């Protein structure tokens, strides 16, 4: 049958099982939106900004494991997607961004709202293309979805010229290609080498990253930890792949990881990394990282092997498929003494905070308690993000949604809308600092327009918290442009955008306010007023070994976050 380009696009989306799109219309993409109007089976959420649309598609993809979809028009509409696309790229999230450009005859002439969005996004996509030929459209859309989801997932951009959206050609429906886990590069010899090192180890640690979440290997990870009798730590992106309430769980590794995790990895004789890319925020000084250990890396992407850390053995392939083959090769060992040493380290160096006033850690623990640990937590980037990682025990994968690789301030609220539309039956909480919240607070209008019941928690300390903390510790307390004390009233702002809002100033006020937010069935903002000098601990200074993690006690103060500081060269 003959269809025009806009019809073909919508039919291809339906082929791929797409039921939700986030976007913002404009002149170049009007033909597509006109066709979308005729297909109520595809829900479209009009966001307040194209960046919010891309983050929402990202959140939807992370929540479901399916490919998220966003629409934008040409020129500034397309460029507004760039930060969202880069965020998805850094965290391996499958997103297909559909943009429309000026007509083919107008390309290269600096036409109104013309931009080479395909050229701009080359470094931050797995694949991108501008479609100028209607006959190539259907196959290109199918290819985009296949590439976005296969192997190591990531974003793809397809740019359509406006004439292609109107021209007609023959269209034949095609069933989507099944995307299977990547197993073709799993080599038996590598598995045997990895198993030999693991079986020889006396002090092993399992290190879990975002690839473990993506591959869905939680069940095999549990088996692995049982067989090895080994402690487990994770990255920010690996949260929930291994149950954070398990007695063998050491916490997060790295710059703001627990001392138990950092010291145990520094002492271990084998580190088994599952779906990790050894980010600089995790390893600290690479020359000092796990320097007494053999390192075995399991990853789907060979480009990540020996990139940041030299490993002894690597096994390339989907993490779940690799562990299915590796686990039967492992011998059960009694490593109780090592486990007890790691657990003792955790007891000796617990996370702690000032319990006399409202703090970020207290808020995260209360959210955990009030939701029975079942909430889906979305975050912005900064101190609040680290508190969310440290103090909420993630029991399962796809429970924490955060910008780990790019560190995108402004990610959370848009992403939370995507997460909530994917999982309407789950409590979704976006945790933000006041600095981050300012970057995407316009998406409260989207939440209220569709009555999406996300709970927006603003940890309002009137500073750019993480940068302020660095200035305190390493820049002599020179707080250059990090003070946000002004006349902005976040509760009035939320109410003006159609949401309910409550201000929380004390520990006693938080639970009633949060419970009220849970009961209202619509978007709610909680403005939680915190002290500006609450810092995130433990901390590893940039470039230092992770074994040098320090906390407020090491800085000479009592167990509060308002401890005095040392100069950088004294730490």
Protein backbone atom coordinates (compact mmCIF):
# COMPACT_ATOMS: atom_id res chain seq x y z
CA UNK A 1 0.00 0.00 0.00
CA UNK A 2 1.11 3.55 -0.68
CA UNK A 3 1.66 5.84 2.30
CA UNK A 4 3.29 9.19 2.81
CA UNK A 5 6.43 9.56 4.93
CA UNK A 6 4.60 10.62 8.07
CA UNK A 7 2.29 7.62 7.82
CA UNK A 8 5.24 5.30 7.27
CA UNK A 9 7.01 6.70 10.34
CA UNK A 10 3.97 6.12 12.55
CA UNK A 11 3.43 2.63 11.15
CA UNK A 12 7.08 1.78 11.78
CA UNK A 13 6.78 2.99 15.38
CA UNK A 14 3.77 0.73 15.82
CA UNK A 15 5.76 -2.15 14.30
CA UNK A 16 8.35 -1.64 17.03
CA UNK A 17 5.71 -1.68 19.76
CA UNK A 18 6.05 2.01 20.58
CA UNK A 19 3.13 3.22 22.67
CA UNK A 20 4.61 6.38 24.19
CA UNK A 21 6.36 9.38 22.64
CA UNK A 22 7.62 12.57 24.27
CA UNK A 23 8.10 15.67 22.17
CA UNK A 24 7.46 19.23 21.10
CA UNK A 25 6.08 20.18 17.65
CA UNK A 26 7.26 22.81 15.19
CA UNK A 27 6.97 23.75 11.54
CA UNK A 28 9.26 21.14 10.02
CA UNK A 29 7.65 18.22 11.90
CA UNK A 30 4.02 19.31 11.45
CA UNK A 31 3.22 16.56 8.94
CA UNK A 32 4.31 13.96 11.47
CA UNK A 33 2.22 15.52 14.25
CA UNK A 34 -0.78 15.72 11.93
CA UNK A 35 -0.53 11.97 11.34
CA UNK A 36 0.10 11.27 15.03
CA UNK A 37 -3.23 13.02 15.76
CA UNK A 38 -4.97 10.12 14.00
CA UNK A 39 -3.34 7.46 16.20
CA UNK A 40 -4.52 7.72 19.81
CA UNK A 41 -2.98 4.30 20.48
CA UNK A 42 0.36 6.14 20.68
CA UNK A 43 0.37 8.38 23.75
CA UNK A 44 2.18 11.67 23.21
CA UNK A 45 3.36 13.81 26.11
CA UNK A 46 3.97 17.46 25.28
CA UNK A 47 6.86 18.52 27.49
CA UNK A 48 7.81 22.08 28.35
CA UNK A 49 11.17 21.85 26.55
CA UNK A 50 12.73 19.44 24.08
CA UNK A 51 15.47 18.56 26.57
CA UNK A 52 12.74 17.44 28.96
CA UNK A 53 11.30 15.26 26.18
CA UNK A 54 14.62 13.50 25.63
CA UNK A 55 15.16 12.97 29.35
CA UNK A 56 11.60 11.60 29.63
CA UNK A 57 12.28 9.15 26.78
CA UNK A 58 15.50 8.21 28.59
CA UNK A 59 13.65 7.61 31.88
CA UNK A 60 11.02 5.54 30.07
CA UNK A 61 13.75 3.42 28.46
CA UNK A 62 15.63 2.86 31.72
CA UNK A 63 12.41 1.91 33.50
CA UNK A 64 11.16 -0.57 30.90
CA UNK A 65 14.32 -1.79 29.18
CA UNK A 66 12.61 -0.86 25.91
CA UNK A 67 13.61 1.91 23.51
CA UNK A 68 12.39 5.40 24.39
CA UNK A 69 11.23 7.77 21.65
CA UNK A 70 11.22 11.55 21.42
CA UNK A 71 10.23 14.03 18.67
CA UNK A 72 11.59 17.49 17.91
CA UNK A 73 11.42 19.92 15.06
CA UNK A 74 14.33 21.43 13.13
CA UNK A 75 16.91 23.99 14.24
CA UNK A 76 16.67 24.90 17.94
CA UNK A 77 14.15 22.13 18.54
CA UNK A 78 16.71 19.57 17.43
CA UNK A 79 19.65 21.18 19.20
CA UNK A 80 17.66 21.25 22.45
CA UNK A 81 17.81 17.46 22.38
CA UNK A 82 21.61 17.34 22.38
CA UNK A 83 22.18 17.24 26.16
CA UNK A 84 19.55 14.54 26.55
CA UNK A 85 21.08 12.47 23.76
CA UNK A 86 24.56 12.83 25.30
CA UNK A 87 23.17 11.78 28.68
CA UNK A 88 21.68 8.63 27.15
CA UNK A 89 24.91 7.91 25.27
CA UNK A 90 27.11 8.09 28.36
CA UNK A 91 24.78 5.77 30.31
CA UNK A 92 24.06 3.32 27.46
CA UNK A 93 20.32 4.06 27.22
CA UNK A 94 18.37 3.07 24.06
CA UNK A 95 16.62 6.19 22.76
CA UNK A 96 15.49 6.95 19.22
CA UNK A 97 15.25 10.69 18.58
CA UNK A 98 13.18 11.65 15.53
CA UNK A 99 13.79 15.15 14.21
CA UNK A 100 12.60 16.84 11.04
CA UNK A 101 14.61 19.28 8.96
CA UNK A 102 13.91 21.73 6.17
CA UNK A 103 13.12 20.36 2.73
CA UNK A 104 15.90 18.74 0.71
CA UNK A 105 16.01 21.66 -1.73
CA UNK A 106 16.68 24.05 1.18
CA UNK A 107 19.51 22.09 2.82
CA UNK A 108 22.88 23.84 2.93
CA UNK A 109 21.39 27.29 2.29
CA UNK A 110 21.16 28.52 5.89
CA UNK A 111 17.41 28.25 5.60
CA UNK A 112 15.15 29.24 8.49
CA UNK A 113 15.64 26.80 11.38
CA UNK A 114 18.04 24.64 9.38
CA UNK A 115 20.76 22.85 11.32
CA UNK A 116 22.95 19.84 10.63
CA UNK A 117 21.72 17.90 13.63
CA UNK A 118 23.14 14.64 12.26
CA UNK A 119 26.60 16.22 12.12
CA UNK A 120 26.25 17.72 15.58
CA UNK A 121 25.33 14.41 17.20
CA UNK A 122 27.90 12.12 15.54
CA UNK A 123 30.04 11.82 18.73
CA UNK A 124 27.06 11.13 21.02
CA UNK A 125 25.01 8.58 19.09
CA UNK A 126 25.51 4.95 18.10
CA UNK A 127 24.13 5.84 14.67
CA UNK A 128 22.54 8.86 13.05
CA UNK A 129 21.30 9.70 9.58
CA UNK A 130 19.38 12.28 7.59
CA UNK A 131 16.74 10.70 5.37
CA UNK A 132 16.33 12.51 2.04
CA UNK A 133 14.77 9.62 0.09
CA UNK A 134 11.27 8.44 0.97
CA UNK A 135 12.17 4.94 -0.24
CA UNK A 136 14.81 4.63 2.50
CA UNK A 137 12.56 5.75 5.36
CA UNK A 138 11.03 2.50 6.62
CA UNK A 139 14.26 0.53 6.54
CA UNK A 140 16.09 3.41 8.29
CA UNK A 141 13.58 3.56 11.15
CA UNK A 142 13.82 -0.21 11.63
CA UNK A 143 17.61 -0.02 11.57
CA UNK A 144 17.54 2.77 14.16
CA UNK A 145 15.60 0.66 16.65
CA UNK A 146 17.80 -2.38 16.03
CA UNK A 147 21.00 -0.43 16.62
CA UNK A 148 19.67 1.41 19.69
CA UNK A 149 18.84 -1.83 21.49
CA UNK A 150 21.51 -4.29 20.33
CA UNK A 151 24.83 -4.99 22.05
CA UNK A 152 25.66 -2.07 24.28
CA UNK A 153 22.49 0.05 23.99
CA UNK A 154 22.56 3.74 23.15
CA UNK A 155 20.81 6.63 21.41
CA UNK A 156 20.16 6.93 17.68
CA UNK A 157 19.01 10.03 15.80
CA UNK A 158 16.98 9.99 12.58
CA UNK A 159 16.50 13.34 10.85
CA UNK A 160 13.83 13.55 8.13
CA UNK A 161 13.64 16.31 5.57
CA UNK A 162 10.18 17.85 5.47
CA UNK A 163 9.52 16.77 1.88
CA UNK A 164 10.10 13.12 2.89
CA UNK A 165 7.32 13.41 5.48
CA UNK A 166 4.90 14.37 2.67
CA UNK A 167 6.05 12.25 -0.29
CA UNK A 168 4.53 8.81 -0.89
CA UNK A 169 5.91 5.36 -1.60
CA UNK A 170 4.97 1.73 -1.20
CA UNK A 171 4.97 0.48 2.38
CA UNK A 172 5.04 -3.16 3.45
CA UNK A 173 4.68 -4.04 7.14
CA UNK A 174 7.59 -5.99 8.64
CA UNK A 175 7.74 -7.78 11.99
CA UNK A 176 10.50 -6.32 14.19
CA UNK A 177 13.76 -8.20 14.32
CA UNK A 178 14.35 -10.01 17.61
CA UNK A 179 17.28 -8.52 19.52
CA UNK A 180 19.21 -11.33 21.17
CA UNK A 181 21.89 -10.98 23.87
CA UNK A 182 25.39 -10.65 22.48
CA UNK A 183 27.10 -14.02 22.79
CA UNK A 184 29.20 -14.39 19.64
CA UNK A 185 32.35 -13.05 21.34
CA UNK A 186 32.16 -15.21 24.48
CA UNK A 187 35.30 -17.33 24.24
CA UNK A 188 35.56 -20.58 26.18
CA UNK A 189 39.26 -20.07 26.85
CA UNK A 190 38.54 -16.67 28.45
CA UNK A 191 35.89 -18.23 30.67
CA UNK A 192 38.34 -20.91 31.81
CA UNK A 193 41.03 -18.30 32.58
CA UNK A 194 38.54 -16.21 34.56
CA UNK A 195 37.32 -19.25 36.50
CA UNK A 196 40.89 -20.27 37.35
CA UNK A 197 41.71 -16.85 38.81
CA UNK A 198 38.46 -16.75 40.77
CA UNK A 199 38.96 -20.24 42.19
CA UNK A 200 42.51 -19.39 43.29
CA UNK A 201 41.50 -16.17 45.05
CA UNK A 202 41.41 -15.95 48.83
CA UNK A 203 40.12 -12.37 49.11
CA UNK A 204 37.83 -11.68 46.13
CA UNK A 205 35.41 -8.78 45.66
CA UNK A 206 32.61 -8.63 43.09
CA UNK A 207 32.25 -5.18 41.54
CA UNK A 208 28.96 -4.45 39.76
CA UNK A 209 28.24 -1.72 37.20
CA UNK A 210 25.47 -0.47 34.95
CA UNK A 211 25.99 -3.27 32.45
CA UNK A 212 24.68 -5.70 35.04
CA UNK A 213 21.42 -3.75 35.23
CA UNK A 214 21.09 -3.52 31.45
CA UNK A 215 21.72 -7.22 30.92
CA UNK A 216 19.32 -8.28 33.67
CA UNK A 217 21.85 -10.53 35.39
CA UNK A 218 20.69 -10.06 39.00
CA UNK A 219 19.78 -13.71 39.41
CA UNK A 220 23.14 -14.91 38.12
CA UNK A 221 24.92 -12.31 40.26
CA UNK A 222 23.23 -13.70 43.38
CA UNK A 223 24.36 -17.20 42.39
CA UNK A 224 27.88 -15.88 41.76
CA UNK A 225 28.10 -14.27 45.21
CA UNK A 226 26.74 -17.44 46.83
CA UNK A 227 29.28 -19.66 45.09
CA UNK A 228 32.23 -17.34 45.65
CA UNK A 229 31.20 -16.35 49.19
CA UNK A 230 32.44 -12.90 48.23
CA UNK A 231 31.43 -9.37 49.22
CA UNK A 232 29.86 -7.12 46.59
CA UNK A 233 30.17 -3.42 45.84
CA UNK A 234 28.72 -1.38 43.00
CA UNK A 235 28.89 1.79 40.98
CA UNK A 236 26.23 4.49 40.91
CA UNK A 237 24.85 2.98 37.70
CA UNK A 238 24.96 -0.56 39.10
CA UNK A 239 22.58 0.12 41.99
CA UNK A 240 20.02 -2.61 42.49
CA UNK A 241 21.71 -5.25 40.35
CA UNK A 242 22.72 -6.79 43.69
CA UNK A 243 20.37 -6.38 46.64
CA UNK A 244 21.53 -3.43 48.74
CA UNK A 245 20.08 -5.11 51.84
CA UNK A 246 22.19 -8.27 51.48
CA UNK A 247 24.68 -8.79 54.31
CA UNK A 248 27.50 -9.17 51.78
CA UNK A 249 26.83 -5.78 50.23
CA UNK A 250 29.61 -3.29 50.99
CA UNK A 251 28.10 -0.19 49.40
CA UNK A 252 29.16 2.00 46.51
CA UNK A 253 32.79 2.20 45.39
CA UNK A 254 34.71 5.37 44.54
CA UNK A 255 34.84 9.08 45.26
CA UNK A 256 31.77 9.05 47.52
CA UNK A 257 31.69 5.33 48.15
CA UNK A 258 31.74 3.72 51.56
CA UNK A 259 35.01 3.11 53.36
CA UNK A 260 34.02 -0.56 53.54
CA UNK A 261 33.91 -0.80 49.74
CA UNK A 262 36.97 1.32 49.09
CA UNK A 263 39.16 -0.40 51.68
CA UNK A 264 38.00 -3.90 50.76
CA UNK A 265 38.79 -3.36 47.08
CA UNK A 266 42.17 -1.92 48.06
CA UNK A 267 42.91 -5.08 50.09
CA UNK A 268 41.46 -7.75 47.80
CA UNK A 269 43.50 -10.23 45.77
CA UNK A 270 40.91 -10.53 42.99
CA UNK A 271 38.41 -8.03 41.65
CA UNK A 272 35.65 -9.41 39.42
CA UNK A 273 34.12 -6.49 37.53
CA UNK A 274 30.71 -7.17 35.98
CA UNK A 275 29.46 -4.55 33.52
CA UNK A 276 31.80 -1.79 34.75
CA UNK A 277 33.84 0.68 32.73
CA UNK A 278 36.16 1.80 35.56
CA UNK A 279 35.17 5.47 35.51
CA UNK A 280 37.59 8.00 37.00
CA UNK A 281 35.02 8.69 39.75
CA UNK A 282 35.28 5.04 40.76
CA UNK A 283 38.98 4.24 40.53
CA UNK A 284 40.60 7.44 41.84
CA UNK A 285 44.33 7.16 41.16
CA UNK A 286 44.54 4.35 38.56
CA UNK A 287 48.08 3.43 39.63
CA UNK A 288 46.85 2.72 43.16
CA UNK A 289 43.54 1.06 42.29
CA UNK A 290 43.31 -2.55 43.54
CA UNK A 291 47.04 -2.77 42.97
CA UNK A 292 47.40 -6.07 44.85
CA UNK A 293 44.63 -7.77 42.92
CA UNK A 294 44.15 -9.72 39.75
CA UNK A 295 41.33 -8.09 37.78
CA UNK A 296 38.75 -9.97 35.71
CA UNK A 297 36.42 -7.85 33.59
CA UNK A 298 33.12 -8.97 32.04
CA UNK A 299 31.65 -6.50 29.55
CA UNK A 300 29.67 -6.46 26.33
CA UNK A 301 31.84 -3.71 24.82
CA UNK A 302 35.48 -4.62 24.02
CA UNK A 303 36.30 -0.90 23.82
CA UNK A 304 35.99 -0.72 27.61
CA UNK A 305 38.68 -3.34 28.23
CA UNK A 306 42.07 -1.93 29.27
CA UNK A 307 40.81 1.61 28.61
CA UNK A 308 41.11 2.95 32.14
CA UNK A 309 42.47 -0.03 34.08
CA UNK A 310 44.71 -2.84 32.86
CA UNK A 311 42.97 -6.18 33.48
CA UNK A 312 44.35 -9.72 33.69
CA UNK A 313 41.44 -11.49 31.99
CA UNK A 314 38.44 -10.20 30.10
CA UNK A 315 35.33 -11.99 28.89
CA UNK A 316 33.41 -10.14 26.19
CA UNK A 317 29.67 -10.64 25.93
CA UNK A 318 26.32 -9.97 27.53
CA UNK A 319 26.88 -10.11 31.31
CA UNK A 320 23.92 -12.39 31.98
CA UNK A 321 24.99 -14.86 29.31
CA UNK A 322 28.61 -14.80 30.50
CA UNK A 323 27.64 -15.50 34.13
CA UNK A 324 25.38 -18.36 33.04
CA UNK A 325 28.48 -20.00 31.56
CA UNK A 326 30.94 -18.91 34.24
CA UNK A 327 29.05 -19.91 37.38
CA UNK A 328 29.15 -23.68 36.70
CA UNK A 329 32.94 -23.46 36.34
CA UNK A 330 33.44 -22.04 39.83
CA UNK A 331 34.27 -24.05 42.92
CA UNK A 332 32.49 -23.19 46.16
CA UNK A 333 35.03 -21.87 48.62
CA UNK A 334 34.94 -21.09 52.32
CA UNK A 335 35.95 -17.44 52.50
CA UNK A 336 34.25 -16.67 55.80
CA UNK A 337 37.32 -14.99 57.31
CA UNK A 338 37.52 -12.55 54.40
CA UNK A 339 33.79 -11.87 54.53
CA UNK A 340 33.99 -11.20 58.27
CA UNK A 341 36.90 -8.80 57.77
CA UNK A 342 34.93 -6.84 55.15
CA UNK A 343 31.84 -6.78 57.35
CA UNK A 344 33.92 -5.59 60.30
CA UNK A 345 35.31 -2.78 58.14
CA UNK A 346 31.73 -1.74 57.42
CA UNK A 347 30.85 -1.73 61.12
CA UNK A 348 33.99 0.23 61.95
CA UNK A 349 33.35 2.88 59.30
CA UNK A 350 29.57 3.29 58.97
CA UNK A 351 27.88 6.07 57.08
CA UNK A 352 26.66 8.67 59.56
CA UNK A 353 25.25 12.18 59.72
CA UNK A 354 23.93 14.80 62.11
CA UNK A 355 20.76 13.35 63.63
CA UNK A 356 19.67 16.56 65.35
CA UNK A 357 18.30 18.35 62.26
CA UNK A 358 16.82 17.85 58.81
CA UNK A 359 19.46 16.50 56.43
CA UNK A 360 19.66 14.84 53.03
CA UNK A 361 20.58 11.42 54.43
CA UNK A 362 17.64 11.55 56.85
CA UNK A 363 15.28 12.41 53.98
CA UNK A 364 16.47 9.43 51.91
CA UNK A 365 16.12 7.06 54.84
CA UNK A 366 12.61 8.35 55.51
CA UNK A 367 11.60 7.91 51.86
CA UNK A 368 12.87 4.34 52.10
CA UNK A 369 10.89 3.72 55.28
CA UNK A 370 7.68 5.37 54.12
CA UNK A 371 7.66 3.46 50.80
CA UNK A 372 8.91 0.14 52.21
CA UNK A 373 11.93 0.55 49.97
CA UNK A 374 9.77 0.11 46.87
CA UNK A 375 9.94 3.66 45.47
CA UNK A 376 11.58 4.44 42.15
CA UNK A 377 14.16 7.12 42.86
CA UNK A 378 15.18 9.61 40.17
CA UNK A 379 17.87 12.19 40.87
CA UNK A 380 19.52 15.25 39.55
CA UNK A 381 23.30 15.56 40.00
CA UNK A 382 25.22 16.64 43.09
CA UNK A 383 25.17 16.08 46.83
CA UNK A 384 21.55 14.91 46.87
CA UNK A 385 22.44 12.34 44.19
CA UNK A 386 25.16 10.87 46.38
CA UNK A 387 22.90 10.80 49.44
CA UNK A 388 20.30 8.97 47.33
CA UNK A 389 22.98 6.44 46.37
CA UNK A 390 24.28 6.02 49.90
CA UNK A 391 21.18 5.94 52.09
CA UNK A 392 18.44 4.30 50.00
CA UNK A 393 18.95 0.51 49.79
CA UNK A 394 18.08 -0.51 46.25
CA UNK A 395 16.64 -4.01 46.30
CA UNK A 396 16.27 -4.59 42.57
CA UNK A 397 17.49 -3.26 39.23
CA UNK A 398 15.83 -0.30 37.48
CA UNK A 399 15.03 1.33 40.80
CA UNK A 400 17.49 4.24 40.61
CA UNK A 401 17.50 6.60 37.61
CA UNK A 402 20.32 9.10 37.44
CA UNK A 403 22.79 10.72 35.07
CA UNK A 404 26.00 8.92 35.94
CA UNK A 405 28.34 9.43 33.02
CA UNK A 406 27.52 12.96 31.86
CA UNK A 407 26.35 14.28 35.23
CA UNK A 408 23.47 16.27 33.76
CA UNK A 409 21.96 18.86 36.06
CA UNK A 410 18.35 19.11 34.89
CA UNK A 411 17.97 15.42 34.08
CA UNK A 412 15.73 14.29 36.88
CA UNK A 413 12.31 15.87 36.56
CA UNK A 414 11.93 15.07 32.86
CA UNK A 415 13.22 11.55 33.47
CA UNK A 416 10.81 11.04 36.37
CA UNK A 417 7.89 11.76 34.04
CA UNK A 418 9.14 9.01 31.73
CA UNK A 419 9.59 6.60 34.63
CA UNK A 420 6.11 7.28 36.01
CA UNK A 421 4.39 6.87 32.63
CA UNK A 422 6.23 3.56 32.27
CA UNK A 423 5.34 2.39 35.79
CA UNK A 424 2.12 4.18 36.81
CA UNK A 425 1.66 1.82 39.76
CA UNK A 426 5.00 2.68 41.40
CA UNK A 427 5.83 5.63 43.65
CA UNK A 428 8.26 7.83 41.71
CA UNK A 429 10.31 10.43 43.57
CA UNK A 430 12.63 12.92 41.90
CA UNK A 431 15.32 14.11 44.31
CA UNK A 432 16.91 17.43 43.41
CA UNK A 433 19.10 20.12 44.84
CA UNK A 434 17.81 23.64 44.45
CA UNK A 435 20.52 24.39 41.87
CA UNK A 436 19.54 21.44 39.67
CA UNK A 437 15.84 22.02 40.13
CA UNK A 438 16.15 25.50 38.61
CA UNK A 439 17.35 23.92 35.38
CA UNK A 440 14.25 21.84 34.70
CA UNK A 441 11.50 23.12 36.98
CA UNK A 442 9.41 24.06 33.92
CA UNK A 443 8.56 20.36 33.56
CA UNK A 444 6.29 20.71 36.60
CA UNK A 445 3.89 22.22 34.04
CA UNK A 446 4.05 18.93 32.12
CA UNK A 447 3.39 16.94 35.29
CA UNK A 448 0.36 19.05 36.15
CA UNK A 449 -0.97 19.10 32.56
CA UNK A 450 -1.23 15.32 32.53
CA UNK A 451 -1.64 14.93 36.31
CA UNK A 452 1.42 12.69 36.51
CA UNK A 453 1.81 11.99 40.24
CA UNK A 454 5.54 12.35 40.71
CA UNK A 455 6.85 13.61 44.03
CA UNK A 456 9.48 16.32 43.60
CA UNK A 457 11.75 16.58 46.65
CA UNK A 458 13.93 19.68 46.59
CA UNK A 459 16.87 19.56 49.03
CA UNK A 460 17.07 23.30 49.35
CA UNK A 461 20.36 24.37 50.94
CA UNK A 462 20.66 27.67 49.05
CA UNK A 463 24.00 26.69 47.51
CA UNK A 464 25.34 24.67 44.57
CA UNK A 465 26.08 21.95 47.08
CA UNK A 466 28.75 19.77 45.50
CA UNK A 467 30.72 22.64 44.01
CA UNK A 468 30.34 24.53 47.28
CA UNK A 469 31.77 21.50 49.11
CA UNK A 470 34.83 21.44 46.83
CA UNK A 471 35.31 25.16 47.40
CA UNK A 472 35.17 24.57 51.16
CA UNK A 473 37.65 21.71 51.14
CA UNK A 474 40.06 22.60 48.37
CA UNK A 475 39.64 26.30 47.53
CA UNK A 476 40.03 27.93 50.92
CA UNK A 477 36.32 28.58 51.39
CA UNK A 478 36.16 30.96 48.44
CA UNK A 479 32.54 30.38 47.42
CA UNK A 480 32.69 31.90 43.96
CA UNK A 481 29.19 31.97 42.41
CA UNK A 482 27.81 29.02 44.39
CA UNK A 483 25.50 30.89 46.78
CA UNK A 484 21.84 30.77 45.71
CA UNK A 485 20.23 32.79 48.50
CA UNK A 486 17.57 34.85 46.75
CA UNK A 487 13.82 35.44 46.75
CA UNK A 488 12.70 32.33 44.83
CA UNK A 489 9.80 30.57 46.55
CA UNK A 490 9.65 27.02 45.21
CA UNK A 491 6.27 26.28 46.79
CA UNK A 492 4.62 29.27 45.14
CA UNK A 493 6.34 28.38 41.88
CA UNK A 494 5.01 24.82 42.00
CA UNK A 495 1.51 26.03 42.80
CA UNK A 496 1.65 28.52 39.93
CA UNK A 497 2.50 25.59 37.62
CA UNK A 498 -0.50 23.61 38.85
CA UNK A 499 1.08 21.38 41.51
CA UNK A 500 0.60 21.01 45.23
CA UNK A 501 3.50 22.04 47.44
CA UNK A 502 4.63 21.83 51.07
CA UNK A 503 7.60 23.34 52.88
CA UNK A 504 9.55 21.14 55.30
CA UNK A 505 11.95 22.66 57.81
CA UNK A 506 12.34 20.00 60.50
CA UNK A 507 12.77 16.24 60.74
CA UNK A 508 9.35 15.95 62.35
CA UNK A 509 7.65 17.70 59.43
CA UNK A 510 9.00 15.45 56.69
CA UNK A 511 7.02 12.24 57.18
CA UNK A 512 3.57 13.91 57.38
CA UNK A 513 4.35 16.01 54.30
CA UNK A 514 5.58 13.00 52.31
CA UNK A 515 2.60 10.88 53.35
CA UNK A 516 0.30 13.69 52.25
CA UNK A 517 2.09 13.81 48.90
CA UNK A 518 1.57 10.06 48.51
CA UNK A 519 -2.16 10.41 49.16
CA UNK A 520 -2.94 13.27 46.76
CA UNK A 521 -2.66 11.38 43.47
CA UNK A 522 -1.06 14.25 41.59
CA UNK A 523 2.29 16.04 41.25
CA UNK A 524 3.59 17.41 44.55
CA UNK A 525 6.68 19.40 45.48
CA UNK A 526 8.34 19.22 48.90
CA UNK A 527 10.67 22.16 49.57
CA UNK A 528 13.02 20.75 52.21
CA UNK A 529 15.11 23.50 53.80
CA UNK A 530 18.59 22.24 54.72
CA UNK A 531 21.73 23.82 56.17
CA UNK A 532 24.18 25.03 53.55
CA UNK A 533 27.19 23.35 55.18
CA UNK A 534 26.00 19.73 54.95
CA UNK A 535 28.60 17.83 52.96
CA UNK A 536 28.75 14.38 51.39
CA UNK A 537 31.08 11.93 53.11
CA UNK A 538 33.09 9.77 52.68
CA UNK A 539 35.07 11.52 49.97
CA UNK A 540 38.19 10.77 47.96
CA UNK A 541 40.04 13.83 46.62
CA UNK A 542 40.43 13.79 42.84
CA UNK A 543 43.52 11.88 41.78
CA UNK A 544 43.99 10.16 45.15
CA UNK A 545 43.78 6.45 45.91
CA UNK A 546 40.33 5.25 46.98
CA UNK A 547 41.96 3.89 50.15
CA UNK A 548 42.44 7.55 51.17
CA UNK A 549 38.70 8.12 51.58
CA UNK A 550 38.01 10.51 54.45
CA UNK A 551 34.90 11.48 56.33
CA UNK A 552 33.87 14.13 58.85
CA UNK A 553 35.62 12.27 61.66
CA UNK A 554 38.92 12.34 59.78
CA UNK A 555 38.57 16.10 59.39
CA UNK A 556 38.78 16.47 63.14
CA UNK A 557 35.16 17.13 63.98
CA UNK A 558 32.54 15.19 65.83
CA UNK A 559 30.06 13.08 63.88
CA UNK A 560 28.31 15.95 62.18
CA UNK A 561 28.58 17.32 58.68
CA UNK A 562 29.68 20.70 60.01
CA UNK A 563 33.21 19.61 60.81
CA UNK A 564 36.25 21.82 60.41
CA UNK A 565 38.36 21.20 57.33
CA UNK A 566 42.00 20.60 56.56
CA UNK A 567 44.02 22.02 53.76
CA UNK A 568 44.29 19.85 50.67
CA UNK A 569 47.91 18.90 51.30
CA UNK A 570 47.07 17.72 54.83
CA UNK A 571 44.45 15.19 53.71
